Structure formats: structure tokens, C-alpha cells
Amino acid sequence: IMHGWATIGTPPPVSGVPYWEQAH
């Protein structure tokens, strides 16, 4: 099993999406 890491930089403010920059 591989657990990846998604990096996206600073996300734009979008209604309903909490602030985050990285996630599994």
C-alpha cells in the first residue's frame, strides 16, 4: 500500500473548502 502526499501550494478561498496546503 502506498500513501501519497498531495501538495498544491496556497489554495484560493472557496466556499465550503477549508484552508489547506497539503494532504494525504
mmCIF file of all heavy atoms, coordinates in Angstrom:
data_MODEL
# 
_entry.id   MODEL 
# 
loop_
_atom_site.group_PDB 
_atom_site.id 
_atom_site.type_symbol 
_atom_site.label_atom_id 
_atom_site.label_alt_id 
_atom_site.label_comp_id 
_atom_site.label_asym_id 
_atom_site.label_entity_id 
_atom_site.label_seq_id 
_atom_site.pdbx_PDB_ins_code 
_atom_site.Cartn_x 
_atom_site.Cartn_y 
_atom_site.Cartn_z 
_atom_site.occupancy 
_atom_site.B_iso_or_equiv 
_atom_site.pdbx_formal_charge 
_atom_site.auth_seq_id 
_atom_site.auth_comp_id 
_atom_site.auth_asym_id 
_atom_site.auth_atom_id 
_atom_site.pdbx_PDB_model_num 
ATOM 1   N N   . ILE A 1 1  ? 0.848   -1.187 0.000  1.00 0.00 ? 1  ILE A N   1 
ATOM 2   C CA  . ILE A 1 1  ? 0.000   0.000  0.000  1.00 0.00 ? 1  ILE A CA  1 
ATOM 3   C C   . ILE A 1 1  ? 0.883   1.236  0.000  1.00 0.00 ? 1  ILE A C   1 
ATOM 4   O O   . ILE A 1 1  ? 1.828   1.332  0.781  1.00 0.00 ? 1  ILE A O   1 
ATOM 5   C CB  . ILE A 1 1  ? -0.932  0.016  1.223  1.00 0.00 ? 1  ILE A CB  1 
ATOM 6   C CG1 . ILE A 1 1  ? -1.828  -1.216 1.195  1.00 0.00 ? 1  ILE A CG1 1 
ATOM 7   C CG2 . ILE A 1 1  ? -1.760  1.295  1.260  1.00 0.00 ? 1  ILE A CG2 1 
ATOM 8   C CD1 . ILE A 1 1  ? -2.657  -1.404 2.436  1.00 0.00 ? 1  ILE A CD1 1 
ATOM 9   N N   . MET A 1 2  ? 0.559   2.171  -0.880 1.00 0.00 ? 2  MET A N   1 
ATOM 10  C CA  . MET A 1 2  ? 1.284   3.432  -0.956 1.00 0.00 ? 2  MET A CA  1 
ATOM 11  C C   . MET A 1 2  ? 0.399   4.548  -0.411 1.00 0.00 ? 2  MET A C   1 
ATOM 12  O O   . MET A 1 2  ? -0.771  4.650  -0.768 1.00 0.00 ? 2  MET A O   1 
ATOM 13  C CB  . MET A 1 2  ? 1.648   3.753  -2.407 1.00 0.00 ? 2  MET A CB  1 
ATOM 14  C CG  . MET A 1 2  ? 2.385   5.073  -2.547 1.00 0.00 ? 2  MET A CG  1 
ATOM 15  S SD  . MET A 1 2  ? 2.831   5.465  -4.249 1.00 0.00 ? 2  MET A SD  1 
ATOM 16  C CE  . MET A 1 2  ? 1.285   6.117  -4.842 1.00 0.00 ? 2  MET A CE  1 
ATOM 17  N N   . HIS A 1 3  ? 0.965   5.358  0.459  1.00 0.00 ? 3  HIS A N   1 
ATOM 18  C CA  . HIS A 1 3  ? 0.300   6.558  0.956  1.00 0.00 ? 3  HIS A CA  1 
ATOM 19  C C   . HIS A 1 3  ? 1.018   7.746  0.327  1.00 0.00 ? 3  HIS A C   1 
ATOM 20  O O   . HIS A 1 3  ? 2.181   7.996  0.617  1.00 0.00 ? 3  HIS A O   1 
ATOM 21  C CB  . HIS A 1 3  ? 0.384   6.645  2.492  1.00 0.00 ? 3  HIS A CB  1 
ATOM 22  C CG  . HIS A 1 3  ? -0.352  5.551  3.174  1.00 0.00 ? 3  HIS A CG  1 
ATOM 23  N ND1 . HIS A 1 3  ? -1.655  5.670  3.575  1.00 0.00 ? 3  HIS A ND1 1 
ATOM 24  C CD2 . HIS A 1 3  ? 0.019   4.302  3.516  1.00 0.00 ? 3  HIS A CD2 1 
ATOM 25  C CE1 . HIS A 1 3  ? -2.061  4.557  4.138  1.00 0.00 ? 3  HIS A CE1 1 
ATOM 26  N NE2 . HIS A 1 3  ? -1.056  3.704  4.116  1.00 0.00 ? 3  HIS A NE2 1 
ATOM 27  N N   . GLY A 1 4  ? 0.323   8.457  -0.546 1.00 0.00 ? 4  GLY A N   1 
ATOM 28  C CA  . GLY A 1 4  ? 0.927   9.593  -1.235 1.00 0.00 ? 4  GLY A CA  1 
ATOM 29  C C   . GLY A 1 4  ? 0.693   10.889 -0.481 1.00 0.00 ? 4  GLY A C   1 
ATOM 30  O O   . GLY A 1 4  ? -0.054  10.954 0.496  1.00 0.00 ? 4  GLY A O   1 
ATOM 31  N N   . TRP A 1 5  ? 1.338   11.934 -0.964 1.00 0.00 ? 5  TRP A N   1 
ATOM 32  C CA  . TRP A 1 5  ? 1.224   13.249 -0.348 1.00 0.00 ? 5  TRP A CA  1 
ATOM 33  C C   . TRP A 1 5  ? 0.954   14.266 -1.449 1.00 0.00 ? 5  TRP A C   1 
ATOM 34  O O   . TRP A 1 5  ? 1.752   14.427 -2.359 1.00 0.00 ? 5  TRP A O   1 
ATOM 35  C CB  . TRP A 1 5  ? 2.523   13.584 0.387  1.00 0.00 ? 5  TRP A CB  1 
ATOM 36  C CG  . TRP A 1 5  ? 2.441   14.772 1.271  1.00 0.00 ? 5  TRP A CG  1 
ATOM 37  C CD1 . TRP A 1 5  ? 3.065   15.979 1.083  1.00 0.00 ? 5  TRP A CD1 1 
ATOM 38  C CD2 . TRP A 1 5  ? 1.714   14.894 2.486  1.00 0.00 ? 5  TRP A CD2 1 
ATOM 39  N NE1 . TRP A 1 5  ? 2.762   16.835 2.102  1.00 0.00 ? 5  TRP A NE1 1 
ATOM 40  C CE2 . TRP A 1 5  ? 1.930   16.190 3.001  1.00 0.00 ? 5  TRP A CE2 1 
ATOM 41  C CE3 . TRP A 1 5  ? 0.884   14.034 3.202  1.00 0.00 ? 5  TRP A CE3 1 
ATOM 42  C CZ2 . TRP A 1 5  ? 1.365   16.658 4.166  1.00 0.00 ? 5  TRP A CZ2 1 
ATOM 43  C CZ3 . TRP A 1 5  ? 0.315   14.492 4.377  1.00 0.00 ? 5  TRP A CZ3 1 
ATOM 44  C CH2 . TRP A 1 5  ? 0.564   15.783 4.845  1.00 0.00 ? 5  TRP A CH2 1 
ATOM 45  N N   . ALA A 1 6  ? -0.197  14.917 -1.390 1.00 0.00 ? 6  ALA A N   1 
ATOM 46  C CA  . ALA A 1 6  ? -0.588  15.905 -2.394 1.00 0.00 ? 6  ALA A CA  1 
ATOM 47  C C   . ALA A 1 6  ? -0.205  17.299 -1.908 1.00 0.00 ? 6  ALA A C   1 
ATOM 48  O O   . ALA A 1 6  ? -0.643  17.728 -0.849 1.00 0.00 ? 6  ALA A O   1 
ATOM 49  C CB  . ALA A 1 6  ? -2.096  15.830 -2.642 1.00 0.00 ? 6  ALA A CB  1 
ATOM 50  N N   . THR A 1 7  ? 0.631   17.981 -2.670 1.00 0.00 ? 7  THR A N   1 
ATOM 51  C CA  . THR A 1 7  ? 0.989   19.369 -2.361 1.00 0.00 ? 7  THR A CA  1 
ATOM 52  C C   . THR A 1 7  ? 0.434   20.259 -3.466 1.00 0.00 ? 7  THR A C   1 
ATOM 53  O O   . THR A 1 7  ? 0.527   19.931 -4.639 1.00 0.00 ? 7  THR A O   1 
ATOM 54  C CB  . THR A 1 7  ? 2.509   19.560 -2.262 1.00 0.00 ? 7  THR A CB  1 
ATOM 55  O OG1 . THR A 1 7  ? 3.089   19.189 -3.502 1.00 0.00 ? 7  THR A OG1 1 
ATOM 56  C CG2 . THR A 1 7  ? 3.108   18.722 -1.156 1.00 0.00 ? 7  THR A CG2 1 
ATOM 57  N N   . ILE A 1 8  ? -0.147  21.370 -3.092 1.00 0.00 ? 8  ILE A N   1 
ATOM 58  C CA  . ILE A 1 8  ? -0.787  22.211 -4.095 1.00 0.00 ? 8  ILE A CA  1 
ATOM 59  C C   . ILE A 1 8  ? -0.426  23.684 -3.966 1.00 0.00 ? 8  ILE A C   1 
ATOM 60  O O   . ILE A 1 8  ? -0.853  24.477 -4.779 1.00 0.00 ? 8  ILE A O   1 
ATOM 61  C CB  . ILE A 1 8  ? -2.324  22.080 -4.024 1.00 0.00 ? 8  ILE A CB  1 
ATOM 62  C CG1 . ILE A 1 8  ? -2.820  22.484 -2.652 1.00 0.00 ? 8  ILE A CG1 1 
ATOM 63  C CG2 . ILE A 1 8  ? -2.771  20.698 -4.378 1.00 0.00 ? 8  ILE A CG2 1 
ATOM 64  C CD1 . ILE A 1 8  ? -4.065  23.282 -2.696 1.00 0.00 ? 8  ILE A CD1 1 
ATOM 65  N N   . GLY A 1 9  ? 0.321   24.051 -2.963 1.00 0.00 ? 9  GLY A N   1 
ATOM 66  C CA  . GLY A 1 9  ? 0.568   25.471 -2.741 1.00 0.00 ? 9  GLY A CA  1 
ATOM 67  C C   . GLY A 1 9  ? -0.620  26.083 -2.027 1.00 0.00 ? 9  GLY A C   1 
ATOM 68  O O   . GLY A 1 9  ? -1.472  25.393 -1.487 1.00 0.00 ? 9  GLY A O   1 
ATOM 69  N N   . THR A 1 10 ? -0.698  27.379 -2.009 1.00 0.00 ? 10 THR A N   1 
ATOM 70  C CA  . THR A 1 10 ? -1.782  28.067 -1.309 1.00 0.00 ? 10 THR A CA  1 
ATOM 71  C C   . THR A 1 10 ? -3.059  28.013 -2.134 1.00 0.00 ? 10 THR A C   1 
ATOM 72  O O   . THR A 1 10 ? -3.094  28.503 -3.261 1.00 0.00 ? 10 THR A O   1 
ATOM 73  C CB  . THR A 1 10 ? -1.402  29.530 -1.041 1.00 0.00 ? 10 THR A CB  1 
ATOM 74  O OG1 . THR A 1 10 ? -0.159  29.551 -0.324 1.00 0.00 ? 10 THR A OG1 1 
ATOM 75  C CG2 . THR A 1 10 ? -2.478  30.225 -0.232 1.00 0.00 ? 10 THR A CG2 1 
ATOM 76  N N   . PRO A 1 11 ? -4.123  27.401 -1.586 1.00 0.00 ? 11 PRO A N   1 
ATOM 77  C CA  . PRO A 1 11 ? -5.374  27.320 -2.349 1.00 0.00 ? 11 PRO A CA  1 
ATOM 78  C C   . PRO A 1 11 ? -6.128  28.639 -2.319 1.00 0.00 ? 11 PRO A C   1 
ATOM 79  O O   . PRO A 1 11 ? -5.990  29.424 -1.383 1.00 0.00 ? 11 PRO A O   1 
ATOM 80  C CB  . PRO A 1 11 ? -6.161  26.238 -1.605 1.00 0.00 ? 11 PRO A CB  1 
ATOM 81  C CG  . PRO A 1 11 ? -5.660  26.317 -0.200 1.00 0.00 ? 11 PRO A CG  1 
ATOM 82  C CD  . PRO A 1 11 ? -4.209  26.726 -0.300 1.00 0.00 ? 11 PRO A CD  1 
ATOM 83  N N   . PRO A 1 12 ? -6.928  28.894 -3.336 1.00 0.00 ? 12 PRO A N   1 
ATOM 84  C CA  . PRO A 1 12 ? -7.757  30.099 -3.321 1.00 0.00 ? 12 PRO A CA  1 
ATOM 85  C C   . PRO A 1 12 ? -8.890  29.927 -2.322 1.00 0.00 ? 12 PRO A C   1 
ATOM 86  O O   . PRO A 1 12 ? -9.272  28.802 -1.998 1.00 0.00 ? 12 PRO A O   1 
ATOM 87  C CB  . PRO A 1 12 ? -8.306  30.168 -4.747 1.00 0.00 ? 12 PRO A CB  1 
ATOM 88  C CG  . PRO A 1 12 ? -8.324  28.756 -5.199 1.00 0.00 ? 12 PRO A CG  1 
ATOM 89  C CD  . PRO A 1 12 ? -7.148  28.102 -4.540 1.00 0.00 ? 12 PRO A CD  1 
ATOM 90  N N   . PRO A 1 13 ? -9.446  31.015 -1.797 1.00 0.00 ? 13 PRO A N   1 
ATOM 91  C CA  . PRO A 1 13 ? -10.586 30.868 -0.892 1.00 0.00 ? 13 PRO A CA  1 
ATOM 92  C C   . PRO A 1 13 ? -11.809 30.403 -1.679 1.00 0.00 ? 13 PRO A C   1 
ATOM 93  O O   . PRO A 1 13 ? -12.184 31.021 -2.670 1.00 0.00 ? 13 PRO A O   1 
ATOM 94  C CB  . PRO A 1 13 ? -10.792 32.272 -0.324 1.00 0.00 ? 13 PRO A CB  1 
ATOM 95  C CG  . PRO A 1 13 ? -10.097 33.188 -1.282 1.00 0.00 ? 13 PRO A CG  1 
ATOM 96  C CD  . PRO A 1 13 ? -9.034  32.387 -1.970 1.00 0.00 ? 13 PRO A CD  1 
ATOM 97  N N   . VAL A 1 14 ? -12.368 29.269 -1.272 1.00 0.00 ? 14 VAL A N   1 
ATOM 98  C CA  . VAL A 1 14 ? -13.546 28.709 -1.921 1.00 0.00 ? 14 VAL A CA  1 
ATOM 99  C C   . VAL A 1 14 ? -14.549 28.342 -0.840 1.00 0.00 ? 14 VAL A C   1 
ATOM 100 O O   . VAL A 1 14 ? -14.205 27.682 0.138  1.00 0.00 ? 14 VAL A O   1 
ATOM 101 C CB  . VAL A 1 14 ? -13.192 27.453 -2.757 1.00 0.00 ? 14 VAL A CB  1 
ATOM 102 C CG1 . VAL A 1 14 ? -14.444 26.819 -3.336 1.00 0.00 ? 14 VAL A CG1 1 
ATOM 103 C CG2 . VAL A 1 14 ? -12.224 27.814 -3.866 1.00 0.00 ? 14 VAL A CG2 1 
ATOM 104 N N   . SER A 1 15 ? -15.770 28.769 -1.016 1.00 0.00 ? 15 SER A N   1 
ATOM 105 C CA  . SER A 1 15 ? -16.828 28.471 -0.063 1.00 0.00 ? 15 SER A CA  1 
ATOM 106 C C   . SER A 1 15 ? -16.957 26.965 0.133  1.00 0.00 ? 15 SER A C   1 
ATOM 107 O O   . SER A 1 15 ? -17.012 26.204 -0.832 1.00 0.00 ? 15 SER A O   1 
ATOM 108 C CB  . SER A 1 15 ? -18.154 29.036 -0.579 1.00 0.00 ? 15 SER A CB  1 
ATOM 109 O OG  . SER A 1 15 ? -19.201 28.663 0.270  1.00 0.00 ? 15 SER A OG  1 
ATOM 110 N N   . GLY A 1 16 ? -16.966 26.515 1.363  1.00 0.00 ? 16 GLY A N   1 
ATOM 111 C CA  . GLY A 1 16 ? -17.142 25.099 1.673  1.00 0.00 ? 16 GLY A CA  1 
ATOM 112 C C   . GLY A 1 16 ? -15.868 24.289 1.702  1.00 0.00 ? 16 GLY A C   1 
ATOM 113 O O   . GLY A 1 16 ? -15.896 23.112 2.018  1.00 0.00 ? 16 GLY A O   1 
ATOM 114 N N   . VAL A 1 17 ? -14.728 24.879 1.319  1.00 0.00 ? 17 VAL A N   1 
ATOM 115 C CA  . VAL A 1 17 ? -13.455 24.159 1.336  1.00 0.00 ? 17 VAL A CA  1 
ATOM 116 C C   . VAL A 1 17 ? -12.557 24.815 2.373  1.00 0.00 ? 17 VAL A C   1 
ATOM 117 O O   . VAL A 1 17 ? -12.170 25.968 2.214  1.00 0.00 ? 17 VAL A O   1 
ATOM 118 C CB  . VAL A 1 17 ? -12.761 24.177 -0.048 1.00 0.00 ? 17 VAL A CB  1 
ATOM 119 C CG1 . VAL A 1 17 ? -11.424 23.446 0.022  1.00 0.00 ? 17 VAL A CG1 1 
ATOM 120 C CG2 . VAL A 1 17 ? -13.653 23.569 -1.102 1.00 0.00 ? 17 VAL A CG2 1 
ATOM 121 N N   . PRO A 1 18 ? -12.238 24.107 3.460  1.00 0.00 ? 18 PRO A N   1 
ATOM 122 C CA  . PRO A 1 18 ? -11.362 24.709 4.467  1.00 0.00 ? 18 PRO A CA  1 
ATOM 123 C C   . PRO A 1 18 ? -9.950  24.921 3.917  1.00 0.00 ? 18 PRO A C   1 
ATOM 124 O O   . PRO A 1 18 ? -9.536  24.254 2.976  1.00 0.00 ? 18 PRO A O   1 
ATOM 125 C CB  . PRO A 1 18 ? -11.362 23.679 5.601  1.00 0.00 ? 18 PRO A CB  1 
ATOM 126 C CG  . PRO A 1 18 ? -11.763 22.406 4.966  1.00 0.00 ? 18 PRO A CG  1 
ATOM 127 C CD  . PRO A 1 18 ? -12.623 22.750 3.773  1.00 0.00 ? 18 PRO A CD  1 
ATOM 128 N N   . TYR A 1 19 ? -9.230  25.873 4.516  1.00 0.00 ? 19 TYR A N   1 
ATOM 129 C CA  . TYR A 1 19 ? -7.867  26.164 4.086  1.00 0.00 ? 19 TYR A CA  1 
ATOM 130 C C   . TYR A 1 19 ? -6.969  24.951 4.336  1.00 0.00 ? 19 TYR A C   1 
ATOM 131 O O   . TYR A 1 19 ? -7.024  24.332 5.386  1.00 0.00 ? 19 TYR A O   1 
ATOM 132 C CB  . TYR A 1 19 ? -7.317  27.364 4.858  1.00 0.00 ? 19 TYR A CB  1 
ATOM 133 C CG  . TYR A 1 19 ? -5.886  27.651 4.505  1.00 0.00 ? 19 TYR A CG  1 
ATOM 134 C CD1 . TYR A 1 19 ? -5.578  28.378 3.360  1.00 0.00 ? 19 TYR A CD1 1 
ATOM 135 C CD2 . TYR A 1 19 ? -4.844  27.147 5.274  1.00 0.00 ? 19 TYR A CD2 1 
ATOM 136 C CE1 . TYR A 1 19 ? -4.270  28.625 3.005  1.00 0.00 ? 19 TYR A CE1 1 
ATOM 137 C CE2 . TYR A 1 19 ? -3.531  27.388 4.928  1.00 0.00 ? 19 TYR A CE2 1 
ATOM 138 C CZ  . TYR A 1 19 ? -3.256  28.132 3.800  1.00 0.00 ? 19 TYR A CZ  1 
ATOM 139 O OH  . TYR A 1 19 ? -1.956  28.355 3.431  1.00 0.00 ? 19 TYR A OH  1 
ATOM 140 N N   . TRP A 1 20 ? -6.162  24.616 3.352  1.00 0.00 ? 20 TRP A N   1 
ATOM 141 C CA  . TRP A 1 20 ? -5.153  23.566 3.497  1.00 0.00 ? 20 TRP A CA  1 
ATOM 142 C C   . TRP A 1 20 ? -4.141  23.729 2.372  1.00 0.00 ? 20 TRP A C   1 
ATOM 143 O O   . TRP A 1 20 ? -4.419  24.335 1.354  1.00 0.00 ? 20 TRP A O   1 
ATOM 144 C CB  . TRP A 1 20 ? -5.783  22.175 3.471  1.00 0.00 ? 20 TRP A CB  1 
ATOM 145 C CG  . TRP A 1 20 ? -6.438  21.856 2.147  1.00 0.00 ? 20 TRP A CG  1 
ATOM 146 C CD1 . TRP A 1 20 ? -7.658  22.293 1.726  1.00 0.00 ? 20 TRP A CD1 1 
ATOM 147 C CD2 . TRP A 1 20 ? -5.893  21.098 1.079  1.00 0.00 ? 20 TRP A CD2 1 
ATOM 148 N NE1 . TRP A 1 20 ? -7.904  21.837 0.459  1.00 0.00 ? 20 TRP A NE1 1 
ATOM 149 C CE2 . TRP A 1 20 ? -6.836  21.093 0.023  1.00 0.00 ? 20 TRP A CE2 1 
ATOM 150 C CE3 . TRP A 1 20 ? -4.700  20.408 0.902  1.00 0.00 ? 20 TRP A CE3 1 
ATOM 151 C CZ2 . TRP A 1 20 ? -6.625  20.432 -1.159 1.00 0.00 ? 20 TRP A CZ2 1 
ATOM 152 C CZ3 . TRP A 1 20 ? -4.497  19.746 -0.297 1.00 0.00 ? 20 TRP A CZ3 1 
ATOM 153 C CH2 . TRP A 1 20 ? -5.460  19.765 -1.310 1.00 0.00 ? 20 TRP A CH2 1 
ATOM 154 N N   . GLU A 1 21 ? -2.948  23.201 2.559  1.00 0.00 ? 21 GLU A N   1 
ATOM 155 C CA  . GLU A 1 21 ? -1.923  23.265 1.531  1.00 0.00 ? 21 GLU A CA  1 
ATOM 156 C C   . GLU A 1 21 ? -1.437  21.893 1.104  1.00 0.00 ? 21 GLU A C   1 
ATOM 157 O O   . GLU A 1 21 ? -0.917  21.740 0.027  1.00 0.00 ? 21 GLU A O   1 
ATOM 158 C CB  . GLU A 1 21 ? -0.727  24.087 2.012  1.00 0.00 ? 21 GLU A CB  1 
ATOM 159 C CG  . GLU A 1 21 ? -1.011  25.564 2.061  1.00 0.00 ? 21 GLU A CG  1 
ATOM 160 C CD  . GLU A 1 21 ? 0.229   26.380 2.360  1.00 0.00 ? 21 GLU A CD  1 
ATOM 161 O OE1 . GLU A 1 21 ? 1.343   25.860 2.168  1.00 0.00 ? 21 GLU A OE1 1 
ATOM 162 O OE2 . GLU A 1 21 ? 0.085   27.531 2.780  1.00 0.00 ? 21 GLU A OE2 1 
ATOM 163 N N   . GLN A 1 22 ? -1.590  20.887 1.964  1.00 0.00 ? 22 GLN A N   1 
ATOM 164 C CA  . GLN A 1 22 ? -1.106  19.551 1.665  1.00 0.00 ? 22 GLN A CA  1 
ATOM 165 C C   . GLN A 1 22 ? -2.027  18.536 2.331  1.00 0.00 ? 22 GLN A C   1 
ATOM 166 O O   . GLN A 1 22 ? -2.694  18.850 3.312  1.00 0.00 ? 22 GLN A O   1 
ATOM 167 C CB  . GLN A 1 22 ? 0.318   19.369 2.192  1.00 0.00 ? 22 GLN A CB  1 
ATOM 168 C CG  . GLN A 1 22 ? 1.290   20.371 1.604  1.00 0.00 ? 22 GLN A CG  1 
ATOM 169 C CD  . GLN A 1 22 ? 2.677   20.213 2.166  1.00 0.00 ? 22 GLN A CD  1 
ATOM 170 O OE1 . GLN A 1 22 ? 3.115   19.113 2.479  1.00 0.00 ? 22 GLN A OE1 1 
ATOM 171 N NE2 . GLN A 1 22 ? 3.386   21.322 2.296  1.00 0.00 ? 22 GLN A NE2 1 
ATOM 172 N N   . ALA A 1 23 ? -2.052  17.323 1.776  1.00 0.00 ? 23 ALA A N   1 
ATOM 173 C CA  . ALA A 1 23 ? -2.903  16.276 2.339  1.00 0.00 ? 23 ALA A CA  1 
ATOM 174 C C   . ALA A 1 23 ? -2.434  14.922 1.830  1.00 0.00 ? 23 ALA A C   1 
ATOM 175 O O   . ALA A 1 23 ? -1.743  14.835 0.812  1.00 0.00 ? 23 ALA A O   1 
ATOM 176 C CB  . ALA A 1 23 ? -4.360  16.495 1.938  1.00 0.00 ? 23 ALA A CB  1 
ATOM 177 N N   . HIS A 1 24 ? -2.828  13.874 2.539  1.00 0.00 ? 24 HIS A N   1 
ATOM 178 C CA  . HIS A 1 24 ? -2.570  12.521 2.048  1.00 0.00 ? 24 HIS A CA  1 
ATOM 179 C C   . HIS A 1 24 ? -3.490  12.230 0.870  1.00 0.00 ? 24 HIS A C   1 
ATOM 180 O O   . HIS A 1 24 ? -4.642  12.662 0.843  1.00 0.00 ? 24 HIS A O   1 
ATOM 181 C CB  . HIS A 1 24 ? -2.850  11.479 3.137  1.00 0.00 ? 24 HIS A CB  1 
ATOM 182 C CG  . HIS A 1 24 ? -1.740  11.342 4.119  1.00 0.00 ? 24 HIS A CG  1 
ATOM 183 N ND1 . HIS A 1 24 ? -0.657  10.530 3.885  1.00 0.00 ? 24 HIS A ND1 1 
ATOM 184 C CD2 . HIS A 1 24 ? -1.540  11.902 5.315  1.00 0.00 ? 24 HIS A CD2 1 
ATOM 185 C CE1 . HIS A 1 24 ? 0.170   10.612 4.913  1.00 0.00 ? 24 HIS A CE1 1 
ATOM 186 N NE2 . HIS A 1 24 ? -0.346  11.445 5.798  1.00 0.00 ? 24 HIS A NE2 1 
# 
